[in-house]
Structure formats: structure tokens, C-alpha cells
Amino acid sequence: MRRLIVSDIHGNLEALEAVARDARGLYDEVACCGDIVDYGASPREAIAWIRAAGAMVVRGNHDRAAWEPGLRESFTPAARIAAEWCAHVLSAQDLEWLRGLPAGPIWGDEFGLAHGSPEDEDTYLESTADVRGIDLLLQRSLCFFGHTHVQGGWEWQPGGIRRMSGPSAGEPERVVELDPDALYLINPGSVGQPRDRDPRAAYAIWNSAQRLLAYRRVPYDIEFAQRRIVAAGLPRSLALRLAVGR
């Protein structure tokens, strides 16, 4: 089975459509690690795409913030403004769908899906120190997660933990063959707001039959996405950061 793995779309339709074009013909199913909405100008369209794809999906903290106002109090001022705008423009049906998304992790036959840590959906896994002991929580040998907006992950072998990374700035793809005897925690990166200093939209393709994981990056029309964010009345900082991948 070939799966398109996406995370942290954040209402960026231009980036999502670029990923869909780039991945066309490479996948049979879709899985999403959450944060479909917020920050970007197209939360309704992002929800519609994920629903039409029949994706396996867990909720992210920004998905929750759309219907859970108290959560916004912990956000930065720009993020709080964006979350309130998002909640206003989404339909009642969209909000009800977001409310029904499961908290991670969830476990399929071949892999797991989380937003943050498999231990706590809101915890950021950013360093090797952060993931020590997480291997004991994995119910499958492979779990995808998001939240940090940084493409990469970790591999557990008998000798220890190895950090994994996506393509360099000049590469469109980095393919890794996963060891059947190892454990993996994989972040496909952010579709709509990367924070690893690479502004290209990030995603992954997982071919379970061949045990091949492809980290992929694709350019998109950032300037158009920026103009739409500003035109929507959202904070300009949310538009500017798209160009630097931070």
C-alpha cells in the first residue's frame, strides 16, 4: 500500500494543491497528522480536500482551537487572531467535523498516527532527548507525527537512536529504506508552514510493501498565498514567514 502522509496544512491551499500535483499517481491512501486549519486563508478548502480524500486523520491543536476557544489563550497574539478568524469563517458543519476528529495516537494495521508525541498530543518532539522512552509507547514499528513543522524523525536500533532528516535545500526527495527490525517515529514536515528553513511544502510517501519512505519537498506559489493571507485580514507576520520557512 502506498500512502501520502501530510501534516500541518494550516489552511494553505496553494501548498496543498502543489503537494497533490506532485504526488499524483504515487499513492493509494492519505493519512494526516492534524492541524488542517488556521494560519492560512483557506481552512474550508483544506478541510474539503482532506474529507474528499477519505484520509485517516488525527486532530491537531489548531483544529481544536477552532471549536475550543479556551485553547487560544495559550497561543501567540498572531496565532490567537488567526484562530478566532478561522472559527468565524468555518461553517457549522466544518466545526462539527473538526470536533469529531480523534486525539492521537491512533493505530492502524501497519502504522500509527499522532499530532504531537504519542504520549501527549500537545507535546513537541524536537530533539533526541525529547523522544527517549517514546519507543516503549509505540504499538507499531512506525508512527507518523507532526506539530513541529520540521521534516525528519528518529530510528531506534539496538545500538541506540538515530536522527533522520529530509532532503537538503537542493533536493526534491530523500528516500529511506526502513529496517523491519527497527522502530520509527517519522515527521513528514509541514505542508502549509514549514519551520525548518526550507519554504517548500513538505510531505512523505510511505510504500509499506517495499518499506520505502520518501521525504519530499515541492515549491509552490508562496507570493500568492501571502497575498491571500493579507487580503483576508490575517496578521502580516503569518504571510512573511512562509518565504523563509520559519
C-alpha atoms as a PDB file:
ATOM      1  CA  MET A   1       0.000   0.000   0.000  1.00  0.00           C
ATOM      2  CA  ARG A   2       1.255   3.468  -0.896  1.00  0.00           C
ATOM      3  CA  ARG A   3       0.222   6.307   1.376  1.00  0.00           C
ATOM      4  CA  LEU A   4       0.506  10.060   1.131  1.00  0.00           C
ATOM      5  CA  ILE A   5       1.398  11.380   4.592  1.00  0.00           C
ATOM      6  CA  VAL A   6       0.655  15.053   5.251  1.00  0.00           C
ATOM      7  CA  SER A   7       0.644  17.247   8.332  1.00  0.00           C
ATOM      8  CA  ASP A   8       0.215  20.858   9.389  1.00  0.00           C
ATOM      9  CA  ILE A   9      -1.563  22.086   6.262  1.00  0.00           C
ATOM     10  CA  HIS A  10      -2.734  25.161   8.178  1.00  0.00           C
ATOM     11  CA  GLY A  11      -5.219  26.367   5.592  1.00  0.00           C
ATOM     12  CA  ASN A  12      -2.581  26.850   2.900  1.00  0.00           C
ATOM     13  CA  LEU A  13      -4.453  25.731  -0.207  1.00  0.00           C
ATOM     14  CA  GLU A  14      -1.668  26.752  -2.595  1.00  0.00           C
ATOM     15  CA  ALA A  15       0.810  24.479  -0.826  1.00  0.00           C
ATOM     16  CA  LEU A  16      -1.710  21.632  -0.527  1.00  0.00           C
ATOM     17  CA  GLU A  17      -2.558  21.747  -4.218  1.00  0.00           C
ATOM     18  CA  ALA A  18       1.157  21.716  -5.082  1.00  0.00           C
ATOM     19  CA  VAL A  19       1.611  18.608  -2.931  1.00  0.00           C
ATOM     20  CA  ALA A  20      -1.400  16.936  -4.566  1.00  0.00           C
ATOM     21  CA  ARG A  21       0.010  17.618  -8.039  1.00  0.00           C
ATOM     22  CA  ASP A  22       3.493  16.486  -7.082  1.00  0.00           C
ATOM     23  CA  ALA A  23       2.235  13.254  -5.507  1.00  0.00           C
ATOM     24  CA  ARG A  24      -0.279  12.378  -8.222  1.00  0.00           C
ATOM     25  CA  GLY A  25      -0.063   8.683  -9.100  1.00  0.00           C
ATOM     26  CA  LEU A  26       2.262   7.909  -6.182  1.00  0.00           C
ATOM     27  CA  TYR A  27      -0.292   6.984  -3.505  1.00  0.00           C
ATOM     28  CA  ASP A  28      -3.455   4.995  -2.867  1.00  0.00           C
ATOM     29  CA  GLU A  29      -4.496   6.378   0.527  1.00  0.00           C
ATOM     30  CA  VAL A  30      -3.965   9.541   2.571  1.00  0.00           C
ATOM     31  CA  ALA A  31      -3.084   9.985   6.243  1.00  0.00           C
ATOM     32  CA  CYS A  32      -2.969  13.336   8.018  1.00  0.00           C
ATOM     33  CA  CYS A  33      -1.260  14.194  11.315  1.00  0.00           C
ATOM     34  CA  GLY A  34      -3.528  17.145  12.046  1.00  0.00           C
ATOM     35  CA  ASP A  35      -3.565  20.944  12.050  1.00  0.00           C
ATOM     36  CA  ILE A  36      -5.571  21.157   8.856  1.00  0.00           C
ATOM     37  CA  VAL A  37      -6.739  24.699   9.591  1.00  0.00           C
ATOM     38  CA  ASP A  38      -5.561  28.060  10.964  1.00  0.00           C
ATOM     39  CA  TYR A  39      -2.826  30.498   9.886  1.00  0.00           C
ATOM     40  CA  GLY A  40      -3.687  30.264   6.167  1.00  0.00           C
ATOM     41  CA  ALA A  41      -6.510  31.816   4.152  1.00  0.00           C
ATOM     42  CA  SER A  42      -8.230  28.574   3.058  1.00  0.00           C
ATOM     43  CA  PRO A  43      -9.321  26.494   6.067  1.00  0.00           C
ATOM     44  CA  ARG A  44     -12.604  25.440   4.455  1.00  0.00           C
ATOM     45  CA  GLU A  45     -10.889  24.268   1.287  1.00  0.00           C
ATOM     46  CA  ALA A  46      -8.267  22.343   3.269  1.00  0.00           C
ATOM     47  CA  ILE A  47     -10.979  20.529   5.222  1.00  0.00           C
ATOM     48  CA  ALA A  48     -12.848  19.745   1.999  1.00  0.00           C
ATOM     49  CA  TRP A  49      -9.706  18.252   0.431  1.00  0.00           C
ATOM     50  CA  ILE A  50      -8.952  16.020   3.419  1.00  0.00           C
ATOM     51  CA  ARG A  51     -12.557  14.856   3.642  1.00  0.00           C
ATOM     52  CA  ALA A  52     -12.768  14.120  -0.090  1.00  0.00           C
ATOM     53  CA  ALA A  53      -9.543  12.098   0.170  1.00  0.00           C
ATOM     54  CA  GLY A  54     -11.076   9.876   2.852  1.00  0.00           C
ATOM     55  CA  ALA A  55      -7.962  10.414   4.924  1.00  0.00           C
ATOM     56  CA  MET A  56      -7.074   8.695   8.160  1.00  0.00           C
ATOM     57  CA  VAL A  57      -6.632  11.751  10.375  1.00  0.00           C
ATOM     58  CA  VAL A  58      -5.978  12.868  13.939  1.00  0.00           C
ATOM     59  CA  ARG A  59      -6.711  16.306  15.319  1.00  0.00           C
ATOM     60  CA  GLY A  60      -4.102  18.980  15.885  1.00  0.00           C
ATOM     61  CA  ASN A  61      -4.142  21.726  18.487  1.00  0.00           C
ATOM     62  CA  HIS A  62      -5.191  24.323  15.912  1.00  0.00           C
ATOM     63  CA  ASP A  63      -8.036  22.073  14.769  1.00  0.00           C
ATOM     64  CA  ARG A  64      -9.182  22.019  18.407  1.00  0.00           C
ATOM     65  CA  ALA A  65      -8.749  25.778  18.769  1.00  0.00           C
ATOM     66  CA  ALA A  66     -11.318  26.333  16.023  1.00  0.00           C
ATOM     67  CA  TRP A  67     -14.044  24.966  18.314  1.00  0.00           C
ATOM     68  CA  GLU A  68     -12.412  25.209  21.773  1.00  0.00           C
ATOM     69  CA  PRO A  69     -11.969  28.945  22.485  1.00  0.00           C
ATOM     70  CA  GLY A  70     -10.106  28.445  25.760  1.00  0.00           C
ATOM     71  CA  LEU A  71      -7.219  26.786  23.949  1.00  0.00           C
ATOM     72  CA  ARG A  72      -6.487  30.009  22.065  1.00  0.00           C
ATOM     73  CA  GLU A  73      -5.382  31.706  25.272  1.00  0.00           C
ATOM     74  CA  SER A  74      -2.096  29.811  25.129  1.00  0.00           C
ATOM     75  CA  PHE A  75      -1.373  30.978  21.561  1.00  0.00           C
ATOM     76  CA  THR A  76       0.812  33.875  20.481  1.00  0.00           C
ATOM     77  CA  PRO A  77      -1.120  37.073  19.620  1.00  0.00           C
ATOM     78  CA  ALA A  78      -0.895  36.409  15.864  1.00  0.00           C
ATOM     79  CA  ALA A  79      -1.954  32.794  16.269  1.00  0.00           C
ATOM     80  CA  ARG A  80      -4.856  33.824  18.510  1.00  0.00           C
ATOM     81  CA  ILE A  81      -6.114  36.307  15.918  1.00  0.00           C
ATOM     82  CA  ALA A  82      -5.841  33.662  13.206  1.00  0.00           C
ATOM     83  CA  ALA A  83      -7.670  31.057  15.300  1.00  0.00           C
ATOM     84  CA  GLU A  84     -10.532  33.456  16.017  1.00  0.00           C
ATOM     85  CA  TRP A  85     -10.774  34.360  12.316  1.00  0.00           C
ATOM     86  CA  CYS A  86     -10.721  30.678  11.383  1.00  0.00           C
ATOM     87  CA  ALA A  87     -13.523  29.854  13.810  1.00  0.00           C
ATOM     88  CA  HIS A  88     -15.587  32.682  12.307  1.00  0.00           C
ATOM     89  CA  VAL A  89     -15.209  31.659   8.652  1.00  0.00           C
ATOM     90  CA  LEU A  90     -15.721  27.922   9.098  1.00  0.00           C
ATOM     91  CA  SER A  91     -19.241  26.556   8.703  1.00  0.00           C
ATOM     92  CA  ALA A  92     -21.093  24.796  11.492  1.00  0.00           C
ATOM     93  CA  GLN A  93     -20.576  21.552   9.586  1.00  0.00           C
ATOM     94  CA  ASP A  94     -16.827  22.151   9.352  1.00  0.00           C
ATOM     95  CA  LEU A  95     -16.585  22.876  13.058  1.00  0.00           C
ATOM     96  CA  GLU A  96     -18.587  19.776  13.904  1.00  0.00           C
ATOM     97  CA  TRP A  97     -16.292  17.669  11.724  1.00  0.00           C
ATOM     98  CA  LEU A  98     -13.209  19.101  13.445  1.00  0.00           C
ATOM     99  CA  ARG A  99     -14.803  18.449  16.827  1.00  0.00           C
ATOM    100  CA  GLY A 100     -15.222  14.787  15.880  1.00  0.00           C
ATOM    101  CA  LEU A 101     -11.577  14.187  14.967  1.00  0.00           C
ATOM    102  CA  PRO A 102      -9.830  11.733  17.295  1.00  0.00           C
ATOM    103  CA  ALA A 103      -6.956  12.632  19.546  1.00  0.00           C
ATOM    104  CA  GLY A 104      -3.759  10.855  18.637  1.00  0.00           C
ATOM    105  CA  PRO A 105      -2.284   8.425  18.658  1.00  0.00           C
ATOM    106  CA  ILE A 106      -4.432   6.090  16.617  1.00  0.00           C
ATOM    107  CA  TRP A 107      -3.095   2.789  15.345  1.00  0.00           C
ATOM    108  CA  GLY A 108      -3.802   1.151  12.017  1.00  0.00           C
ATOM    109  CA  ASP A 109      -2.713  -2.288  10.884  1.00  0.00           C
ATOM    110  CA  GLU A 110       0.685  -1.071   9.688  1.00  0.00           C
ATOM    111  CA  PHE A 111       1.406   2.256  11.382  1.00  0.00           C
ATOM    112  CA  GLY A 112       0.335   4.800  13.954  1.00  0.00           C
ATOM    113  CA  LEU A 113      -0.671   8.429  13.621  1.00  0.00           C
ATOM    114  CA  ALA A 114      -0.193  11.252  16.128  1.00  0.00           C
ATOM    115  CA  HIS A 115      -0.093  15.026  16.095  1.00  0.00           C
ATOM    116  CA  GLY A 116       2.472  15.682  18.804  1.00  0.00           C
ATOM    117  CA  SER A 117       4.002  12.996  20.943  1.00  0.00           C
ATOM    118  CA  PRO A 118       2.311   9.570  21.097  1.00  0.00           C
ATOM    119  CA  GLU A 119       2.315  10.224  24.844  1.00  0.00           C
ATOM    120  CA  ASP A 120       0.610  13.643  24.678  1.00  0.00           C
ATOM    121  CA  GLU A 121      -0.915  15.176  21.549  1.00  0.00           C
ATOM    122  CA  ASP A 122       0.256  18.691  22.516  1.00  0.00           C
ATOM    123  CA  THR A 123       3.904  17.849  23.273  1.00  0.00           C
ATOM    124  CA  TYR A 124       6.534  18.924  20.743  1.00  0.00           C
ATOM    125  CA  LEU A 125       9.174  16.339  19.822  1.00  0.00           C
ATOM    126  CA  GLU A 126      12.098  18.471  18.721  1.00  0.00           C
ATOM    127  CA  SER A 127      15.263  16.788  19.982  1.00  0.00           C
ATOM    128  CA  THR A 128      16.597  13.298  20.572  1.00  0.00           C
ATOM    129  CA  ALA A 129      16.266  13.959  24.308  1.00  0.00           C
ATOM    130  CA  ASP A 130      12.531  14.556  23.773  1.00  0.00           C
ATOM    131  CA  VAL A 131      11.971  11.099  22.260  1.00  0.00           C
ATOM    132  CA  ARG A 132      13.865   8.964  24.767  1.00  0.00           C
ATOM    133  CA  GLY A 133      11.435   6.343  26.043  1.00  0.00           C
ATOM    134  CA  ILE A 134       8.850   7.037  23.321  1.00  0.00           C
ATOM    135  CA  ASP A 135       9.781   3.735  21.686  1.00  0.00           C
ATOM    136  CA  LEU A 136       8.126   1.968  24.635  1.00  0.00           C
ATOM    137  CA  LEU A 137       4.807   3.587  23.692  1.00  0.00           C
ATOM    138  CA  LEU A 138       4.807   2.574  20.030  1.00  0.00           C
ATOM    139  CA  GLN A 139       2.245  -0.113  19.231  1.00  0.00           C
ATOM    140  CA  ARG A 140       3.566  -0.441  15.676  1.00  0.00           C
ATOM    141  CA  SER A 141       7.080  -0.249  14.290  1.00  0.00           C
ATOM    142  CA  LEU A 142       6.196   3.011  12.515  1.00  0.00           C
ATOM    143  CA  CYS A 143       4.368   6.088  13.773  1.00  0.00           C
ATOM    144  CA  PHE A 144       3.909   9.375  11.925  1.00  0.00           C
ATOM    145  CA  PHE A 145       3.610  12.667  13.792  1.00  0.00           C
ATOM    146  CA  GLY A 146       3.648  16.413  13.149  1.00  0.00           C
ATOM    147  CA  HIS A 147       3.278  19.561  15.274  1.00  0.00           C
ATOM    148  CA  THR A 148       6.890  20.812  14.981  1.00  0.00           C
ATOM    149  CA  HIS A 149       6.682  21.627  11.243  1.00  0.00           C
ATOM    150  CA  VAL A 150      10.147  20.077  10.852  1.00  0.00           C
ATOM    151  CA  GLN A 151      10.630  17.191   8.423  1.00  0.00           C
ATOM    152  CA  GLY A 152      12.608  14.251   9.784  1.00  0.00           C
ATOM    153  CA  GLY A 153      12.248  11.818  12.667  1.00  0.00           C
ATOM    154  CA  TRP A 154      14.057   9.115  14.607  1.00  0.00           C
ATOM    155  CA  GLU A 155      15.044   5.482  14.215  1.00  0.00           C
ATOM    156  CA  TRP A 156      15.525   3.092  17.146  1.00  0.00           C
ATOM    157  CA  GLN A 157      18.057   0.314  16.603  1.00  0.00           C
ATOM    158  CA  PRO A 158      19.631  -1.970  19.234  1.00  0.00           C
ATOM    159  CA  GLY A 159      22.619   0.373  19.257  1.00  0.00           C
ATOM    160  CA  GLY A 160      20.607   3.491  20.058  1.00  0.00           C
ATOM    161  CA  ILE A 161      18.609   6.317  18.465  1.00  0.00           C
ATOM    162  CA  ARG A 162      19.460   7.863  15.108  1.00  0.00           C
ATOM    163  CA  ARG A 163      18.006  11.163  13.960  1.00  0.00           C
ATOM    164  CA  MET A 164      16.628  11.282  10.417  1.00  0.00           C
ATOM    165  CA  SER A 165      16.226  14.273   8.115  1.00  0.00           C
ATOM    166  CA  GLY A 166      14.508  15.221   4.895  1.00  0.00           C
ATOM    167  CA  PRO A 167      16.007  16.470   1.623  1.00  0.00           C
ATOM    168  CA  SER A 168      18.590  19.220   1.598  1.00  0.00           C
ATOM    169  CA  ALA A 169      17.724  22.574   0.039  1.00  0.00           C
ATOM    170  CA  GLY A 170      18.695  21.407  -3.452  1.00  0.00           C
ATOM    171  CA  GLU A 171      16.939  18.040  -3.328  1.00  0.00           C
ATOM    172  CA  PRO A 172      13.292  17.290  -4.170  1.00  0.00           C
ATOM    173  CA  GLU A 173      13.338  13.913  -2.413  1.00  0.00           C
ATOM    174  CA  ARG A 174      15.212  11.704   0.026  1.00  0.00           C
ATOM    175  CA  VAL A 175      14.287   8.006   0.041  1.00  0.00           C
ATOM    176  CA  VAL A 176      14.986   5.766   3.029  1.00  0.00           C
ATOM    177  CA  GLU A 177      14.533   2.009   3.261  1.00  0.00           C
ATOM    178  CA  LEU A 178      13.128   1.226   6.692  1.00  0.00           C
ATOM    179  CA  ASP A 179      14.614  -1.687   8.621  1.00  0.00           C
ATOM    180  CA  PRO A 180      11.890  -4.217   9.565  1.00  0.00           C
ATOM    181  CA  ASP A 181      13.640  -4.768  12.905  1.00  0.00           C
ATOM    182  CA  ALA A 182      13.790  -1.083  13.866  1.00  0.00           C
ATOM    183  CA  LEU A 183      11.234   1.365  15.252  1.00  0.00           C
ATOM    184  CA  TYR A 184      10.486   4.677  13.574  1.00  0.00           C
ATOM    185  CA  LEU A 185       8.907   7.977  14.508  1.00  0.00           C
ATOM    186  CA  ILE A 186       8.541   9.992  11.306  1.00  0.00           C
ATOM    187  CA  ASN A 187       7.546  13.616  10.749  1.00  0.00           C
ATOM    188  CA  PRO A 188       6.525  14.271   7.122  1.00  0.00           C
ATOM    189  CA  GLY A 189       7.024  18.003   7.682  1.00  0.00           C
ATOM    190  CA  SER A 190       4.518  20.788   7.241  1.00  0.00           C
ATOM    191  CA  VAL A 191       2.587  21.223   4.025  1.00  0.00           C
ATOM    192  CA  GLY A 192       1.497  24.774   4.730  1.00  0.00           C
ATOM    193  CA  GLN A 193       4.026  26.364   7.072  1.00  0.00           C
ATOM    194  CA  PRO A 194       7.455  24.657   7.205  1.00  0.00           C
ATOM    195  CA  ARG A 195       9.764  25.755  10.016  1.00  0.00           C
ATOM    196  CA  ASP A 196      12.989  24.032   9.021  1.00  0.00           C
ATOM    197  CA  ARG A 197      14.317  26.963   6.957  1.00  0.00           C
ATOM    198  CA  ASP A 198      13.078  25.379   3.720  1.00  0.00           C
ATOM    199  CA  PRO A 199       9.942  27.175   2.485  1.00  0.00           C
ATOM    200  CA  ARG A 200       8.935  24.394   0.105  1.00  0.00           C
ATOM    201  CA  ALA A 201       5.840  22.367   1.048  1.00  0.00           C
ATOM    202  CA  ALA A 202       6.807  19.139   2.797  1.00  0.00           C
ATOM    203  CA  TYR A 203       5.208  15.700   2.779  1.00  0.00           C
ATOM    204  CA  ALA A 204       6.063  11.994   2.665  1.00  0.00           C
ATOM    205  CA  ILE A 205       5.162   8.901   0.668  1.00  0.00           C
ATOM    206  CA  TRP A 206       5.208   5.574   2.533  1.00  0.00           C
ATOM    207  CA  ASN A 207       5.295   2.382   0.449  1.00  0.00           C
ATOM    208  CA  SER A 208       4.639  -0.339   3.020  1.00  0.00           C
ATOM    209  CA  ALA A 209       5.160  -3.241   0.604  1.00  0.00           C
ATOM    210  CA  GLN A 210       8.665  -2.079  -0.286  1.00  0.00           C
ATOM    211  CA  ARG A 211       9.312  -0.466   3.119  1.00  0.00           C
ATOM    212  CA  LEU A 212      10.383   2.717   1.369  1.00  0.00           C
ATOM    213  CA  LEU A 213       9.812   6.142   2.874  1.00  0.00           C
ATOM    214  CA  ALA A 214      10.234   9.153   0.597  1.00  0.00           C
ATOM    215  CA  TYR A 215      10.601  12.547   2.223  1.00  0.00           C
ATOM    216  CA  ARG A 216       9.569  15.051  -0.438  1.00  0.00           C
ATOM    217  CA  ARG A 217       9.595  18.841  -0.947  1.00  0.00           C
ATOM    218  CA  VAL A 218       7.819  20.826  -3.615  1.00  0.00           C
ATOM    219  CA  PRO A 219       7.827  24.572  -4.391  1.00  0.00           C
ATOM    220  CA  TYR A 220       4.544  26.449  -4.642  1.00  0.00           C
ATOM    221  CA  ASP A 221       3.337  29.982  -5.287  1.00  0.00           C
ATOM    222  CA  ILE A 222       4.278  31.497  -1.931  1.00  0.00           C
ATOM    223  CA  GLU A 223       3.655  35.064  -3.037  1.00  0.00           C
ATOM    224  CA  PHE A 224       0.066  34.274  -3.993  1.00  0.00           C
ATOM    225  CA  ALA A 225      -0.511  32.508  -0.662  1.00  0.00           C
ATOM    226  CA  GLN A 226       0.935  35.544   1.122  1.00  0.00           C
ATOM    227  CA  ARG A 227      -1.345  37.952  -0.732  1.00  0.00           C
ATOM    228  CA  ARG A 228      -4.391  35.898   0.166  1.00  0.00           C
ATOM    229  CA  ILE A 229      -3.426  35.834   3.862  1.00  0.00           C
ATOM    230  CA  VAL A 230      -3.060  39.622   3.905  1.00  0.00           C
ATOM    231  CA  ALA A 231      -6.269  40.123   1.906  1.00  0.00           C
ATOM    232  CA  ALA A 232      -8.146  38.021   4.459  1.00  0.00           C
ATOM    233  CA  GLY A 233      -7.099  40.465   7.173  1.00  0.00           C
ATOM    234  CA  LEU A 234      -4.842  37.970   8.944  1.00  0.00           C
ATOM    235  CA  PRO A 235      -1.606  39.102  10.620  1.00  0.00           C
ATOM    236  CA  ARG A 236       1.071  40.000   8.076  1.00  0.00           C
ATOM    237  CA  SER A 237       3.652  38.002  10.058  1.00  0.00           C
ATOM    238  CA  LEU A 238       1.865  34.791   9.057  1.00  0.00           C
ATOM    239  CA  ALA A 239       2.403  35.677   5.420  1.00  0.00           C
ATOM    240  CA  LEU A 240       6.015  36.815   5.762  1.00  0.00           C
ATOM    241  CA  ARG A 241       7.211  33.655   7.480  1.00  0.00           C
ATOM    242  CA  LEU A 242       6.146  31.486   4.533  1.00  0.00           C
ATOM    243  CA  ALA A 243       9.020  32.837   2.446  1.00  0.00           C
ATOM    244  CA  VAL A 244      11.719  31.894   4.953  1.00  0.00           C
ATOM    245  CA  GLY A 245      10.432  28.594   6.265  1.00  0.00           C
ATOM    246  CA  ARG A 246      10.420  29.729   9.894  1.00  0.00           C
END
